[in-house]
Amino acid sequence: MGKSTNGPDWIDVEMTMRALEGLHEGHVSLIVSPEGIGSSGGLNVIARMTFDVLPGSDRPASIEVAKRWPCGTCKNLPGHCWTGLIELDYRASGLYKQQELPI
């Protein structure tokens, strides 16, 4: 039986990435890289979604959310990554503008 945790884990991160790809028809990636010099620089976490766009489309080729770890709100790195994915979902949903159709 699974272990109960306090907050999202890596399985939640993976499932959220897959859900966002299906929902927004894009390719989701997470980039975790060191920030600064030495051991106290922290990590830079980027959640990115790229889209297959046709020439002349007004849809951007990619969108991203960058967050620095450690932060004051997330308890662990998987939770931090998951929070970035939720913000990415919010940004992706903003691409769908309610517009009137031409008559």
PDB file of N, CA and C in Angstrom:
ATOM      1  N   MET A   1       0.845  -1.179   0.000  1.00  0.00           N
ATOM      2  CA  MET A   1       0.000   0.000   0.000  1.00  0.00           C
ATOM      3  C   MET A   1       0.884   1.232   0.000  1.00  0.00           C
ATOM      4  N   GLY A   2       0.422   2.297  -0.671  1.00  0.00           N
ATOM      5  CA  GLY A   2       1.197   3.523  -0.797  1.00  0.00           C
ATOM      6  C   GLY A   2       1.378   4.259   0.509  1.00  0.00           C
ATOM      7  N   LYS A   3       2.424   5.047   0.557  1.00  0.00           N
ATOM      8  CA  LYS A   3       2.751   5.818   1.751  1.00  0.00           C
ATOM      9  C   LYS A   3       2.079   7.187   1.665  1.00  0.00           C
ATOM     10  N   SER A   4       1.476   7.626   2.748  1.00  0.00           N
ATOM     11  CA  SER A   4       0.859   8.944   2.801  1.00  0.00           C
ATOM     12  C   SER A   4       1.947  10.005   2.961  1.00  0.00           C
ATOM     13  N   THR A   5       1.864  11.067   2.185  1.00  0.00           N
ATOM     14  CA  THR A   5       2.847  12.146   2.269  1.00  0.00           C
ATOM     15  C   THR A   5       2.151  13.470   2.520  1.00  0.00           C
ATOM     16  N   ASN A   6       2.929  14.458   2.840  1.00  0.00           N
ATOM     17  CA  ASN A   6       2.420  15.815   3.010  1.00  0.00           C
ATOM     18  C   ASN A   6       2.715  16.608   1.755  1.00  0.00           C
ATOM     19  N   GLY A   7       1.822  16.562   0.800  1.00  0.00           N
ATOM     20  CA  GLY A   7       2.002  17.318  -0.420  1.00  0.00           C
ATOM     21  C   GLY A   7       2.331  16.433  -1.605  1.00  0.00           C
ATOM     22  N   PRO A   8       2.485  17.053  -2.767  1.00  0.00           N
ATOM     23  CA  PRO A   8       2.740  16.309  -3.999  1.00  0.00           C
ATOM     24  C   PRO A   8       4.090  15.590  -3.974  1.00  0.00           C
ATOM     25  N   ASP A   9       4.151  14.447  -4.668  1.00  0.00           N
ATOM     26  CA  ASP A   9       5.407  13.727  -4.824  1.00  0.00           C
ATOM     27  C   ASP A   9       5.723  13.639  -6.324  1.00  0.00           C
ATOM     28  N   TRP A  10       6.767  12.885  -6.680  1.00  0.00           N
ATOM     29  CA  TRP A  10       7.195  12.826  -8.080  1.00  0.00           C
ATOM     30  C   TRP A  10       6.149  12.178  -8.984  1.00  0.00           C
ATOM     31  N   ILE A  11       5.344  11.267  -8.447  1.00  0.00           N
ATOM     32  CA  ILE A  11       4.272  10.672  -9.253  1.00  0.00           C
ATOM     33  C   ILE A  11       3.229  11.728  -9.593  1.00  0.00           C
ATOM     34  N   ASP A  12       2.900  12.588  -8.632  1.00  0.00           N
ATOM     35  CA  ASP A  12       1.970  13.690  -8.896  1.00  0.00           C
ATOM     36  C   ASP A  12       2.526  14.628  -9.956  1.00  0.00           C
ATOM     37  N   VAL A  13       3.827  14.880  -9.894  1.00  0.00           N
ATOM     38  CA  VAL A  13       4.469  15.747 -10.890  1.00  0.00           C
ATOM     39  C   VAL A  13       4.332  15.128 -12.282  1.00  0.00           C
ATOM     40  N   GLU A  14       4.654  13.837 -12.391  1.00  0.00           N
ATOM     41  CA  GLU A  14       4.560  13.162 -13.688  1.00  0.00           C
ATOM     42  C   GLU A  14       3.128  13.169 -14.226  1.00  0.00           C
ATOM     43  N   MET A  15       2.164  12.838 -13.388  1.00  0.00           N
ATOM     44  CA  MET A  15       0.772  12.786 -13.835  1.00  0.00           C
ATOM     45  C   MET A  15       0.262  14.166 -14.237  1.00  0.00           C
ATOM     46  N   THR A  16       0.683  15.200 -13.527  1.00  0.00           N
ATOM     47  CA  THR A  16       0.285  16.560 -13.881  1.00  0.00           C
ATOM     48  C   THR A  16       0.882  16.964 -15.221  1.00  0.00           C
ATOM     49  N   MET A  17       2.141  16.590 -15.456  1.00  0.00           N
ATOM     50  CA  MET A  17       2.768  16.890 -16.749  1.00  0.00           C
ATOM     51  C   MET A  17       1.996  16.217 -17.882  1.00  0.00           C
ATOM     52  N   ARG A  18       1.645  14.951 -17.707  1.00  0.00           N
ATOM     53  CA  ARG A  18       0.902  14.223 -18.736  1.00  0.00           C
ATOM     54  C   ARG A  18      -0.484  14.836 -18.962  1.00  0.00           C
ATOM     55  N   ALA A  19      -1.139  15.224 -17.870  1.00  0.00           N
ATOM     56  CA  ALA A  19      -2.463  15.837 -17.988  1.00  0.00           C
ATOM     57  C   ALA A  19      -2.393  17.165 -18.742  1.00  0.00           C
ATOM     58  N   LEU A  20      -1.381  17.978 -18.443  1.00  0.00           N
ATOM     59  CA  LEU A  20      -1.241  19.266 -19.126  1.00  0.00           C
ATOM     60  C   LEU A  20      -0.965  19.076 -20.610  1.00  0.00           C
ATOM     61  N   GLU A  21      -0.155  18.073 -20.948  1.00  0.00           N
ATOM     62  CA  GLU A  21       0.113  17.802 -22.365  1.00  0.00           C
ATOM     63  C   GLU A  21      -1.173  17.454 -23.097  1.00  0.00           C
ATOM     64  N   GLY A  22      -2.007  16.635 -22.500  1.00  0.00           N
ATOM     65  CA  GLY A  22      -3.259  16.259 -23.138  1.00  0.00           C
ATOM     66  C   GLY A  22      -4.257  17.398 -23.194  1.00  0.00           C
ATOM     67  N   LEU A  23      -4.336  18.159 -22.128  1.00  0.00           N
ATOM     68  CA  LEU A  23      -5.316  19.244 -22.047  1.00  0.00           C
ATOM     69  C   LEU A  23      -4.988  20.393 -22.989  1.00  0.00           C
ATOM     70  N   HIS A  24      -3.718  20.775 -23.048  1.00  0.00           N
ATOM     71  CA  HIS A  24      -3.330  21.956 -23.822  1.00  0.00           C
ATOM     72  C   HIS A  24      -2.647  21.617 -25.146  1.00  0.00           C
ATOM     73  N   GLU A  25      -2.536  20.331 -25.462  1.00  0.00           N
ATOM     74  CA  GLU A  25      -1.931  19.879 -26.714  1.00  0.00           C
ATOM     75  C   GLU A  25      -0.539  20.466 -26.918  1.00  0.00           C
ATOM     76  N   GLY A  26       0.288  20.329 -25.891  1.00  0.00           N
ATOM     77  CA  GLY A  26       1.670  20.809 -25.938  1.00  0.00           C
ATOM     78  C   GLY A  26       2.605  19.770 -25.353  1.00  0.00           C
ATOM     79  N   HIS A  27       3.878  20.089 -25.345  1.00  0.00           N
ATOM     80  CA  HIS A  27       4.910  19.216 -24.789  1.00  0.00           C
ATOM     81  C   HIS A  27       5.454  19.880 -23.523  1.00  0.00           C
ATOM     82  N   VAL A  28       5.339  19.207 -22.391  1.00  0.00           N
ATOM     83  CA  VAL A  28       5.721  19.782 -21.097  1.00  0.00           C
ATOM     84  C   VAL A  28       7.078  19.237 -20.676  1.00  0.00           C
ATOM     85  N   SER A  29       7.915  20.136 -20.160  1.00  0.00           N
ATOM     86  CA  SER A  29       9.212  19.720 -19.626  1.00  0.00           C
ATOM     87  C   SER A  29       9.504  20.498 -18.356  1.00  0.00           C
ATOM     88  N   LEU A  30      10.318  19.879 -17.504  1.00  0.00           N
ATOM     89  CA  LEU A  30      10.833  20.531 -16.297  1.00  0.00           C
ATOM     90  C   LEU A  30      12.343  20.590 -16.418  1.00  0.00           C
ATOM     91  N   ILE A  31      12.907  21.748 -16.141  1.00  0.00           N
ATOM     92  CA  ILE A  31      14.359  21.928 -16.168  1.00  0.00           C
ATOM     93  C   ILE A  31      14.777  22.365 -14.768  1.00  0.00           C
ATOM     94  N   VAL A  32      15.654  21.589 -14.146  1.00  0.00           N
ATOM     95  CA  VAL A  32      16.180  21.928 -12.826  1.00  0.00           C
ATOM     96  C   VAL A  32      17.673  22.151 -12.988  1.00  0.00           C
ATOM     97  N   SER A  33      18.122  23.363 -12.672  1.00  0.00           N
ATOM     98  CA  SER A  33      19.544  23.681 -12.845  1.00  0.00           C
ATOM     99  C   SER A  33      20.041  24.476 -11.639  1.00  0.00           C
ATOM    100  N   PRO A  34      21.335  24.355 -11.334  1.00  0.00           N
ATOM    101  CA  PRO A  34      21.890  25.115 -10.210  1.00  0.00           C
ATOM    102  C   PRO A  34      21.929  26.599 -10.533  1.00  0.00           C
ATOM    103  N   GLU A  35      21.743  27.379  -9.499  1.00  0.00           N
ATOM    104  CA  GLU A  35      21.780  28.831  -9.652  1.00  0.00           C
ATOM    105  C   GLU A  35      22.875  29.385  -8.761  1.00  0.00           C
ATOM    106  N   GLY A  36      23.639  30.305  -9.266  1.00  0.00           N
ATOM    107  CA  GLY A  36      24.690  30.912  -8.467  1.00  0.00           C
ATOM    108  C   GLY A  36      25.950  30.083  -8.454  1.00  0.00           C
ATOM    109  N   ILE A  37      26.868  30.491  -7.584  1.00  0.00           N
ATOM    110  CA  ILE A  37      28.170  29.828  -7.473  1.00  0.00           C
ATOM    111  C   ILE A  37      28.265  29.172  -6.108  1.00  0.00           C
ATOM    112  N   GLY A  38      28.753  27.951  -6.063  1.00  0.00           N
ATOM    113  CA  GLY A  38      28.930  27.261  -4.794  1.00  0.00           C
ATOM    114  C   GLY A  38      27.699  26.513  -4.351  1.00  0.00           C
ATOM    115  N   SER A  39      27.709  26.098  -3.112  1.00  0.00           N
ATOM    116  CA  SER A  39      26.636  25.241  -2.611  1.00  0.00           C
ATOM    117  C   SER A  39      25.429  26.009  -2.097  1.00  0.00           C
ATOM    118  N   SER A  40      25.483  27.318  -2.035  1.00  0.00           N
ATOM    119  CA  SER A  40      24.370  28.076  -1.450  1.00  0.00           C
ATOM    120  C   SER A  40      23.540  28.813  -2.493  1.00  0.00           C
ATOM    121  N   GLY A  41      23.730  28.496  -3.760  1.00  0.00           N
ATOM    122  CA  GLY A  41      23.017  29.227  -4.805  1.00  0.00           C
ATOM    123  C   GLY A  41      21.586  28.807  -5.016  1.00  0.00           C
ATOM    124  N   GLY A  42      21.204  27.618  -4.569  1.00  0.00           N
ATOM    125  CA  GLY A  42      19.850  27.138  -4.782  1.00  0.00           C
ATOM    126  C   GLY A  42      19.676  26.578  -6.177  1.00  0.00           C
ATOM    127  N   LEU A  43      18.431  26.326  -6.529  1.00  0.00           N
ATOM    128  CA  LEU A  43      18.097  25.752  -7.829  1.00  0.00           C
ATOM    129  C   LEU A  43      17.115  26.642  -8.567  1.00  0.00           C
ATOM    130  N   ASN A  44      17.217  26.640  -9.878  1.00  0.00           N
ATOM    131  CA  ASN A  44      16.256  27.305 -10.733  1.00  0.00           C
ATOM    132  C   ASN A  44      15.418  26.214 -11.377  1.00  0.00           C
ATOM    133  N   VAL A  45      14.097  26.272 -11.203  1.00  0.00           N
ATOM    134  CA  VAL A  45      13.184  25.277 -11.750  1.00  0.00           C
ATOM    135  C   VAL A  45      12.319  25.958 -12.802  1.00  0.00           C
ATOM    136  N   ILE A  46      12.372  25.440 -14.022  1.00  0.00           N
ATOM    137  CA  ILE A  46      11.594  25.998 -15.127  1.00  0.00           C
ATOM    138  C   ILE A  46      10.609  24.950 -15.612  1.00  0.00           C
ATOM    139  N   ALA A  47       9.331  25.294 -15.608  1.00  0.00           N
ATOM    140  CA  ALA A  47       8.290  24.467 -16.213  1.00  0.00           C
ATOM    141  C   ALA A  47       7.982  25.097 -17.568  1.00  0.00           C
ATOM    142  N   ARG A  48       8.127  24.320 -18.634  1.00  0.00           N
ATOM    143  CA  ARG A  48       7.975  24.863 -19.986  1.00  0.00           C
ATOM    144  C   ARG A  48       7.014  23.996 -20.786  1.00  0.00           C
ATOM    145  N   MET A  49       6.199  24.661 -21.605  1.00  0.00           N
ATOM    146  CA  MET A  49       5.323  23.963 -22.533  1.00  0.00           C
ATOM    147  C   MET A  49       5.588  24.509 -23.926  1.00  0.00           C
ATOM    148  N   THR A  50       5.886  23.620 -24.863  1.00  0.00           N
ATOM    149  CA  THR A  50       6.095  24.013 -26.256  1.00  0.00           C
ATOM    150  C   THR A  50       4.936  23.481 -27.083  1.00  0.00           C
ATOM    151  N   PHE A  51       4.600  24.238 -28.109  1.00  0.00           N
ATOM    152  CA  PHE A  51       3.466  23.909 -28.963  1.00  0.00           C
ATOM    153  C   PHE A  51       3.931  23.729 -30.402  1.00  0.00           C
ATOM    154  N   ASP A  52       3.257  22.841 -31.110  1.00  0.00           N
ATOM    155  CA  ASP A  52       3.448  22.721 -32.546  1.00  0.00           C
ATOM    156  C   ASP A  52       2.539  23.762 -33.180  1.00  0.00           C
ATOM    157  N   VAL A  53       3.128  24.816 -33.749  1.00  0.00           N
ATOM    158  CA  VAL A  53       2.328  25.898 -34.307  1.00  0.00           C
ATOM    159  C   VAL A  53       2.557  25.988 -35.808  1.00  0.00           C
ATOM    160  N   LEU A  54       1.521  26.394 -36.487  1.00  0.00           N
ATOM    161  CA  LEU A  54       1.605  26.599 -37.931  1.00  0.00           C
ATOM    162  C   LEU A  54       2.129  27.994 -38.220  1.00  0.00           C
ATOM    163  N   PRO A  55       2.794  28.185 -39.359  1.00  0.00           N
ATOM    164  CA  PRO A  55       3.249  29.530 -39.728  1.00  0.00           C
ATOM    165  C   PRO A  55       2.059  30.496 -39.783  1.00  0.00           C
ATOM    166  N   GLY A  56       2.254  31.668 -39.219  1.00  0.00           N
ATOM    167  CA  GLY A  56       1.213  32.686 -39.202  1.00  0.00           C
ATOM    168  C   GLY A  56       0.262  32.580 -38.021  1.00  0.00           C
ATOM    169  N   SER A  57       0.438  31.561 -37.189  1.00  0.00           N
ATOM    170  CA  SER A  57      -0.424  31.402 -36.026  1.00  0.00           C
ATOM    171  C   SER A  57      -0.077  32.455 -34.983  1.00  0.00           C
ATOM    172  N   ASP A  58      -1.104  32.916 -34.236  1.00  0.00           N
ATOM    173  CA  ASP A  58      -0.834  33.883 -33.172  1.00  0.00           C
ATOM    174  C   ASP A  58      -0.538  33.185 -31.845  1.00  0.00           C
ATOM    175  N   ARG A  59      -0.536  31.854 -31.837  1.00  0.00           N
ATOM    176  CA  ARG A  59      -0.202  31.098 -30.638  1.00  0.00           C
ATOM    177  C   ARG A  59       1.318  31.091 -30.456  1.00  0.00           C
ATOM    178  N   PRO A  60       1.807  31.340 -29.236  1.00  0.00           N
ATOM    179  CA  PRO A  60       3.257  31.329 -29.027  1.00  0.00           C
ATOM    180  C   PRO A  60       3.822  29.917 -29.189  1.00  0.00           C
ATOM    181  N   ALA A  61       5.084  29.835 -29.550  1.00  0.00           N
ATOM    182  CA  ALA A  61       5.738  28.534 -29.704  1.00  0.00           C
ATOM    183  C   ALA A  61       5.982  27.878 -28.353  1.00  0.00           C
ATOM    184  N   SER A  62       6.130  28.680 -27.283  1.00  0.00           N
ATOM    185  CA  SER A  62       6.328  28.111 -25.948  1.00  0.00           C
ATOM    186  C   SER A  62       5.954  29.137 -24.886  1.00  0.00           C
ATOM    187  N   ILE A  63       5.663  28.617 -23.702  1.00  0.00           N
ATOM    188  CA  ILE A  63       5.449  29.445 -22.511  1.00  0.00           C
ATOM    189  C   ILE A  63       6.201  28.772 -21.376  1.00  0.00           C
ATOM    190  N   GLU A  64       6.568  29.550 -20.366  1.00  0.00           N
ATOM    191  CA  GLU A  64       7.291  28.952 -19.245  1.00  0.00           C
ATOM    192  C   GLU A  64       7.058  29.722 -17.959  1.00  0.00           C
ATOM    193  N   VAL A  65       7.303  29.005 -16.867  1.00  0.00           N
ATOM    194  CA  VAL A  65       7.247  29.572 -15.518  1.00  0.00           C
ATOM    195  C   VAL A  65       8.562  29.208 -14.839  1.00  0.00           C
ATOM    196  N   ALA A  66       9.262  30.193 -14.308  1.00  0.00           N
ATOM    197  CA  ALA A  66      10.528  29.963 -13.604  1.00  0.00           C
ATOM    198  C   ALA A  66      10.331  30.249 -12.124  1.00  0.00           C
ATOM    199  N   LYS A  67      10.827  29.334 -11.293  1.00  0.00           N
ATOM    200  CA  LYS A  67      10.721  29.478  -9.836  1.00  0.00           C
ATOM    201  C   LYS A  67      12.054  29.089  -9.203  1.00  0.00           C
ATOM    202  N   ARG A  68      12.405  29.768  -8.141  1.00  0.00           N
ATOM    203  CA  ARG A  68      13.667  29.502  -7.438  1.00  0.00           C
ATOM    204  C   ARG A  68      13.411  28.614  -6.227  1.00  0.00           C
ATOM    205  N   TRP A  69      14.260  27.619  -6.064  1.00  0.00           N
ATOM    206  CA  TRP A  69      14.176  26.700  -4.920  1.00  0.00           C
ATOM    207  C   TRP A  69      15.434  26.844  -4.079  1.00  0.00           C
ATOM    208  N   PRO A  70      15.420  26.891  -2.783  1.00  0.00           N
ATOM    209  CA  PRO A  70      14.242  26.757  -1.934  1.00  0.00           C
ATOM    210  C   PRO A  70      13.415  28.037  -1.912  1.00  0.00           C
ATOM    211  N   CYS A  71      12.138  27.849  -1.614  1.00  0.00           N
ATOM    212  CA  CYS A  71      11.239  28.994  -1.481  1.00  0.00           C
ATOM    213  C   CYS A  71      10.568  28.927  -0.115  1.00  0.00           C
ATOM    214  N   GLY A  72       9.845  29.928   0.224  1.00  0.00           N
ATOM    215  CA  GLY A  72       9.228  29.989   1.549  1.00  0.00           C
ATOM    216  C   GLY A  72       7.926  29.233   1.685  1.00  0.00           C
ATOM    217  N   THR A  73       7.373  28.711   0.581  1.00  0.00           N
ATOM    218  CA  THR A  73       6.058  28.084   0.663  1.00  0.00           C
ATOM    219  C   THR A  73       6.058  26.577   0.417  1.00  0.00           C
ATOM    220  N   CYS A  74       6.999  26.066  -0.342  1.00  0.00           N
ATOM    221  CA  CYS A  74       7.012  24.637  -0.683  1.00  0.00           C
ATOM    222  C   CYS A  74       7.889  23.859   0.290  1.00  0.00           C
ATOM    223  N   LYS A  75       7.394  22.699   0.722  1.00  0.00           N
ATOM    224  CA  LYS A  75       8.123  21.892   1.700  1.00  0.00           C
ATOM    225  C   LYS A  75       9.240  21.075   1.078  1.00  0.00           C
ATOM    226  N   ASN A  76       9.071  20.700  -0.210  1.00  0.00           N
ATOM    227  CA  ASN A  76      10.066  19.848  -0.853  1.00  0.00           C
ATOM    228  C   ASN A  76      10.151  20.165  -2.349  1.00  0.00           C
ATOM    229  N   LEU A  77      11.146  19.624  -3.005  1.00  0.00           N
ATOM    230  CA  LEU A  77      11.363  19.909  -4.428  1.00  0.00           C
ATOM    231  C   LEU A  77      10.228  19.396  -5.304  1.00  0.00           C
ATOM    232  N   PRO A  78       9.700  18.186  -5.092  1.00  0.00           N
ATOM    233  CA  PRO A  78       8.564  17.770  -5.928  1.00  0.00           C
ATOM    234  C   PRO A  78       7.365  18.707  -5.796  1.00  0.00           C
ATOM    235  N   GLY A  79       7.086  19.167  -4.596  1.00  0.00           N
ATOM    236  CA  GLY A  79       5.992  20.121  -4.391  1.00  0.00           C
ATOM    237  C   GLY A  79       6.253  21.433  -5.097  1.00  0.00           C
ATOM    238  N   HIS A  80       7.496  21.856  -5.110  1.00  0.00           N
ATOM    239  CA  HIS A  80       7.889  23.090  -5.792  1.00  0.00           C
ATOM    240  C   HIS A  80       7.693  22.942  -7.303  1.00  0.00           C
ATOM    241  N   CYS A  81       8.113  21.808  -7.846  1.00  0.00           N
ATOM    242  CA  CYS A  81       7.930  21.547  -9.279  1.00  0.00           C
ATOM    243  C   CYS A  81       6.448  21.486  -9.626  1.00  0.00           C
ATOM    244  N   TRP A  82       5.657  20.830  -8.785  1.00  0.00           N
ATOM    245  CA  TRP A  82       4.227  20.706  -9.027  1.00  0.00           C
ATOM    246  C   TRP A  82       3.547  22.076  -9.019  1.00  0.00           C
ATOM    247  N   THR A  83       3.944  22.936  -8.088  1.00  0.00           N
ATOM    248  CA  THR A  83       3.386  24.287  -8.034  1.00  0.00           C
ATOM    249  C   THR A  83       3.698  25.054  -9.319  1.00  0.00           C
ATOM    250  N   GLY A  84       4.913  24.884  -9.845  1.00  0.00           N
ATOM    251  CA  GLY A  84       5.264  25.510 -11.123  1.00  0.00           C
ATOM    252  C   GLY A  84       4.401  25.003 -12.262  1.00  0.00           C
ATOM    253  N   LEU A  85       4.071  23.713 -12.244  1.00  0.00           N
ATOM    254  CA  LEU A  85       3.201  23.151 -13.282  1.00  0.00           C
ATOM    255  C   LEU A  85       1.784  23.712 -13.188  1.00  0.00           C
ATOM    256  N   ILE A  86       1.301  23.917 -11.981  1.00  0.00           N
ATOM    257  CA  ILE A  86      -0.030  24.513 -11.807  1.00  0.00           C
ATOM    258  C   ILE A  86      -0.032  25.939 -12.346  1.00  0.00           C
ATOM    259  N   GLU A  87       1.034  26.692 -12.099  1.00  0.00           N
ATOM    260  CA  GLU A  87       1.145  28.045 -12.654  1.00  0.00           C
ATOM    261  C   GLU A  87       1.237  27.997 -14.179  1.00  0.00           C
ATOM    262  N   LEU A  88       1.936  26.990 -14.703  1.00  0.00           N
ATOM    263  CA  LEU A  88       2.028  26.826 -16.156  1.00  0.00           C
ATOM    264  C   LEU A  88       0.647  26.543 -16.749  1.00  0.00           C
ATOM    265  N   ASP A  89      -0.144  25.730 -16.078  1.00  0.00           N
ATOM    266  CA  ASP A  89      -1.507  25.450 -16.526  1.00  0.00           C
ATOM    267  C   ASP A  89      -2.323  26.732 -16.588  1.00  0.00           C
ATOM    268  N   TYR A  90      -2.189  27.574 -15.576  1.00  0.00           N
ATOM    269  CA  TYR A  90      -2.909  28.855 -15.549  1.00  0.00           C
ATOM    270  C   TYR A  90      -2.495  29.735 -16.729  1.00  0.00           C
ATOM    271  N   ARG A  91      -1.200  29.798 -17.004  1.00  0.00           N
ATOM    272  CA  ARG A  91      -0.717  30.597 -18.141  1.00  0.00           C
ATOM    273  C   ARG A  91      -1.207  30.026 -19.460  1.00  0.00           C
ATOM    274  N   ALA A  92      -1.187  28.695 -19.587  1.00  0.00           N
ATOM    275  CA  ALA A  92      -1.649  28.064 -20.829  1.00  0.00           C
ATOM    276  C   ALA A  92      -3.137  28.302 -21.039  1.00  0.00           C
ATOM    277  N   SER A  93      -3.928  28.273 -19.967  1.00  0.00           N
ATOM    278  CA  SER A  93      -5.359  28.506 -20.112  1.00  0.00           C
ATOM    279  C   SER A  93      -5.650  29.945 -20.516  1.00  0.00           C
ATOM    280  N   GLY A  94      -4.739  30.864 -20.241  1.00  0.00           N
ATOM    281  CA  GLY A  94      -4.907  32.253 -20.658  1.00  0.00           C
ATOM    282  C   GLY A  94      -4.728  32.447 -22.151  1.00  0.00           C
ATOM    283  N   LEU A  95      -4.200  31.439 -22.841  1.00  0.00           N
ATOM    284  CA  LEU A  95      -4.037  31.546 -24.294  1.00  0.00           C
ATOM    285  C   LEU A  95      -5.360  31.414 -25.028  1.00  0.00           C
ATOM    286  N   TYR A  96      -6.353  30.835 -24.375  1.00  0.00           N
ATOM    287  CA  TYR A  96      -7.660  30.660 -25.002  1.00  0.00           C
ATOM    288  C   TYR A  96      -8.492  31.896 -24.726  1.00  0.00           C
ATOM    289  N   LYS A  97      -8.582  32.770 -25.686  1.00  0.00           N
ATOM    290  CA  LYS A  97      -9.295  34.023 -25.503  1.00  0.00           C
ATOM    291  C   LYS A  97     -10.727  33.860 -25.984  1.00  0.00           C
ATOM    292  N   GLN A  98     -11.637  34.414 -25.235  1.00  0.00           N
ATOM    293  CA  GLN A  98     -13.032  34.404 -25.639  1.00  0.00           C
ATOM    294  C   GLN A  98     -13.219  35.499 -26.679  1.00  0.00           C
ATOM    295  N   GLN A  99     -13.372  35.108 -27.919  1.00  0.00           N
ATOM    296  CA  GLN A  99     -13.525  36.061 -29.002  1.00  0.00           C
ATOM    297  C   GLN A  99     -14.805  35.763 -29.767  1.00  0.00           C
ATOM    298  N   GLU A 100     -15.381  36.818 -30.342  1.00  0.00           N
ATOM    299  CA  GLU A 100     -16.566  36.634 -31.153  1.00  0.00           C
ATOM    300  C   GLU A 100     -16.156  36.072 -32.503  1.00  0.00           C
ATOM    301  N   LEU A 101     -16.965  35.161 -33.001  1.00  0.00           N
ATOM    302  CA  LEU A 101     -16.710  34.594 -34.307  1.00  0.00           C
ATOM    303  C   LEU A 101     -17.231  35.542 -35.382  1.00  0.00           C
ATOM    304  N   PRO A 102     -16.512  35.657 -36.494  1.00  0.00           N
ATOM    305  CA  PRO A 102     -17.006  36.510 -37.569  1.00  0.00           C
ATOM    306  C   PRO A 102     -18.273  35.904 -38.177  1.00  0.00           C
ATOM    307  N   ILE A 103     -19.172  36.767 -38.541  1.00  0.00           N
ATOM    308  CA  ILE A 103     -20.463  36.302 -39.110  1.00  0.00           C
ATOM    309  C   ILE A 103     -20.405  36.369 -40.621  1.00  0.00           C
TER     310      ILE A 103
END
